[in-house]
């Protein structure tokens, strides 16, 4: 049996399809949010005066926004890792389903 056949069996399992749906449901919105938030800083700094508002002494909204990007990156990373741990169960299930498919095909 070729490795290609193994991949095709895994790809056809319901657990693998569920894994792809779950990953897309998180990754696409998280990426869109990240890009908007990340590119918002240079856009707002270049084309508006919104970030020039002083919040505390010489500290402006630009600094707060910039530091918020670090927090946002860590939050997204934490959410991704916690979801990825759940996705590992789906990977294991897809392997089991693929192995059962081989057993049933014999």
C-alpha atoms as a PDB file:
ATOM      1  CA  UNK A   1       0.000   0.000   0.000  1.00  0.00           C
ATOM      2  CA  UNK A   2       1.348   3.389  -0.960  1.00  0.00           C
ATOM      3  CA  UNK A   3       1.566   6.368   1.324  1.00  0.00           C
ATOM      4  CA  UNK A   4      -0.704   8.228  -1.069  1.00  0.00           C
ATOM      5  CA  UNK A   5      -3.478   5.707  -0.404  1.00  0.00           C
ATOM      6  CA  UNK A   6      -3.138   6.253   3.338  1.00  0.00           C
ATOM      7  CA  UNK A   7      -3.531   9.992   2.899  1.00  0.00           C
ATOM      8  CA  UNK A   8      -6.619   9.564   0.717  1.00  0.00           C
ATOM      9  CA  UNK A   9      -8.237   7.351   3.378  1.00  0.00           C
ATOM     10  CA  UNK A  10      -7.480   9.883   6.125  1.00  0.00           C
ATOM     11  CA  UNK A  11      -8.763  12.706   3.951  1.00  0.00           C
ATOM     12  CA  UNK A  12     -12.102  10.934   3.467  1.00  0.00           C
ATOM     13  CA  UNK A  13     -12.822  10.428   7.167  1.00  0.00           C
ATOM     14  CA  UNK A  14     -15.525  12.455   8.869  1.00  0.00           C
ATOM     15  CA  UNK A  15     -13.099  13.445  11.638  1.00  0.00           C
ATOM     16  CA  UNK A  16     -10.677  14.945   9.107  1.00  0.00           C
ATOM     17  CA  UNK A  17     -13.477  16.922   7.446  1.00  0.00           C
ATOM     18  CA  UNK A  18     -14.545  18.162  10.877  1.00  0.00           C
ATOM     19  CA  UNK A  19     -10.916  19.114  11.599  1.00  0.00           C
ATOM     20  CA  UNK A  20     -10.710  21.198   8.423  1.00  0.00           C
ATOM     21  CA  UNK A  21     -14.001  22.945   9.236  1.00  0.00           C
ATOM     22  CA  UNK A  22     -12.892  23.693  12.799  1.00  0.00           C
ATOM     23  CA  UNK A  23      -9.518  25.045  11.694  1.00  0.00           C
ATOM     24  CA  UNK A  24     -11.050  27.254   9.005  1.00  0.00           C
ATOM     25  CA  UNK A  25     -13.668  28.548  11.450  1.00  0.00           C
ATOM     26  CA  UNK A  26     -10.874  29.840  13.687  1.00  0.00           C
ATOM     27  CA  UNK A  27      -7.987  30.659  11.363  1.00  0.00           C
ATOM     28  CA  UNK A  28      -9.835  32.742   8.765  1.00  0.00           C
ATOM     29  CA  UNK A  29     -11.572  35.147  11.201  1.00  0.00           C
ATOM     30  CA  UNK A  30      -8.450  35.359  13.397  1.00  0.00           C
ATOM     31  CA  UNK A  31      -6.298  36.215  10.383  1.00  0.00           C
ATOM     32  CA  UNK A  32      -8.740  38.842   9.132  1.00  0.00           C
ATOM     33  CA  UNK A  33      -8.936  40.429  12.593  1.00  0.00           C
ATOM     34  CA  UNK A  34      -5.145  40.348  12.961  1.00  0.00           C
ATOM     35  CA  UNK A  35      -4.541  41.983   9.572  1.00  0.00           C
ATOM     36  CA  UNK A  36      -7.090  44.746  10.195  1.00  0.00           C
ATOM     37  CA  UNK A  37      -5.744  45.424  13.689  1.00  0.00           C
ATOM     38  CA  UNK A  38      -2.102  45.235  12.588  1.00  0.00           C
ATOM     39  CA  UNK A  39      -2.408  47.444   9.506  1.00  0.00           C
ATOM     40  CA  UNK A  40      -4.753  49.798  11.355  1.00  0.00           C
ATOM     41  CA  UNK A  41      -1.857  51.399  13.222  1.00  0.00           C
ATOM     42  CA  UNK A  42       0.138  52.620  10.210  1.00  0.00           C
ATOM     43  CA  UNK A  43      -3.061  53.555   8.387  1.00  0.00           C
ATOM     44  CA  UNK A  44      -4.432  55.589  11.298  1.00  0.00           C
ATOM     45  CA  UNK A  45      -1.031  57.146  11.984  1.00  0.00           C
ATOM     46  CA  UNK A  46      -0.507  58.169   8.368  1.00  0.00           C
ATOM     47  CA  UNK A  47      -3.961  59.353   7.352  1.00  0.00           C
ATOM     48  CA  UNK A  48      -5.701  60.582  10.532  1.00  0.00           C
ATOM     49  CA  UNK A  49      -4.978  62.448  13.743  1.00  0.00           C
ATOM     50  CA  UNK A  50      -6.945  60.018  15.922  1.00  0.00           C
ATOM     51  CA  UNK A  51      -3.813  58.547  17.488  1.00  0.00           C
ATOM     52  CA  UNK A  52      -2.447  61.970  18.461  1.00  0.00           C
ATOM     53  CA  UNK A  53      -4.813  62.214  21.435  1.00  0.00           C
ATOM     54  CA  UNK A  54      -2.831  62.421  24.677  1.00  0.00           C
ATOM     55  CA  UNK A  55      -4.008  59.959  27.271  1.00  0.00           C
ATOM     56  CA  UNK A  56      -1.578  60.355  30.153  1.00  0.00           C
ATOM     57  CA  UNK A  57       1.088  63.041  30.032  1.00  0.00           C
ATOM     58  CA  UNK A  58       3.034  62.614  26.794  1.00  0.00           C
ATOM     59  CA  UNK A  59       1.520  59.129  26.213  1.00  0.00           C
ATOM     60  CA  UNK A  60      -0.725  59.145  23.142  1.00  0.00           C
ATOM     61  CA  UNK A  61      -3.200  56.635  21.759  1.00  0.00           C
ATOM     62  CA  UNK A  62      -0.553  55.613  19.223  1.00  0.00           C
ATOM     63  CA  UNK A  63       1.586  54.108  21.983  1.00  0.00           C
ATOM     64  CA  UNK A  64      -1.389  52.340  23.530  1.00  0.00           C
ATOM     65  CA  UNK A  65      -2.418  50.958  20.136  1.00  0.00           C
ATOM     66  CA  UNK A  66       1.150  49.786  19.446  1.00  0.00           C
ATOM     67  CA  UNK A  67       1.449  48.024  22.803  1.00  0.00           C
ATOM     68  CA  UNK A  68      -2.038  46.550  22.338  1.00  0.00           C
ATOM     69  CA  UNK A  69      -0.712  44.809  19.241  1.00  0.00           C
ATOM     70  CA  UNK A  70       1.693  42.837  21.419  1.00  0.00           C
ATOM     71  CA  UNK A  71      -1.172  41.814  23.700  1.00  0.00           C
ATOM     72  CA  UNK A  72      -3.367  40.944  20.722  1.00  0.00           C
ATOM     73  CA  UNK A  73      -0.647  38.714  19.277  1.00  0.00           C
ATOM     74  CA  UNK A  74      -0.245  36.838  22.568  1.00  0.00           C
ATOM     75  CA  UNK A  75      -4.016  36.451  22.952  1.00  0.00           C
ATOM     76  CA  UNK A  76      -4.423  35.057  19.438  1.00  0.00           C
ATOM     77  CA  UNK A  77      -1.472  32.728  20.043  1.00  0.00           C
ATOM     78  CA  UNK A  78      -3.009  31.477  23.290  1.00  0.00           C
ATOM     79  CA  UNK A  79      -6.386  30.913  21.631  1.00  0.00           C
ATOM     80  CA  UNK A  80      -4.730  29.078  18.740  1.00  0.00           C
ATOM     81  CA  UNK A  81      -2.752  26.779  21.035  1.00  0.00           C
ATOM     82  CA  UNK A  82      -5.815  25.913  23.114  1.00  0.00           C
ATOM     83  CA  UNK A  83      -7.822  25.158  19.966  1.00  0.00           C
ATOM     84  CA  UNK A  84      -4.947  23.182  18.433  1.00  0.00           C
ATOM     85  CA  UNK A  85      -4.933  20.927  21.486  1.00  0.00           C
ATOM     86  CA  UNK A  86      -8.577  20.103  20.761  1.00  0.00           C
ATOM     87  CA  UNK A  87      -7.777  19.573  17.091  1.00  0.00           C
ATOM     88  CA  UNK A  88      -5.268  16.894  18.083  1.00  0.00           C
ATOM     89  CA  UNK A  89      -8.215  14.737  19.178  1.00  0.00           C
ATOM     90  CA  UNK A  90      -9.707  15.071  15.700  1.00  0.00           C
ATOM     91  CA  UNK A  91      -6.373  14.073  14.159  1.00  0.00           C
ATOM     92  CA  UNK A  92      -6.314  10.951  16.321  1.00  0.00           C
ATOM     93  CA  UNK A  93      -9.922  10.152  15.411  1.00  0.00           C
ATOM     94  CA  UNK A  94      -9.189  10.532  11.699  1.00  0.00           C
ATOM     95  CA  UNK A  95      -6.260   8.108  12.011  1.00  0.00           C
ATOM     96  CA  UNK A  96      -8.464   5.584  13.790  1.00  0.00           C
ATOM     97  CA  UNK A  97     -11.236   5.970  11.201  1.00  0.00           C
ATOM     98  CA  UNK A  98      -8.724   5.538   8.367  1.00  0.00           C
ATOM     99  CA  UNK A  99      -7.305   2.416  10.018  1.00  0.00           C
ATOM    100  CA  UNK A 100     -10.825   1.013  10.458  1.00  0.00           C
ATOM    101  CA  UNK A 101     -11.448   1.696   6.777  1.00  0.00           C
ATOM    102  CA  UNK A 102      -8.436  -0.499   5.918  1.00  0.00           C
ATOM    103  CA  UNK A 103      -9.680  -3.237   8.230  1.00  0.00           C
ATOM    104  CA  UNK A 104     -13.136  -3.110   6.677  1.00  0.00           C
ATOM    105  CA  UNK A 105     -11.759  -3.105   3.140  1.00  0.00           C
ATOM    106  CA  UNK A 106      -9.880  -6.379   3.622  1.00  0.00           C
END
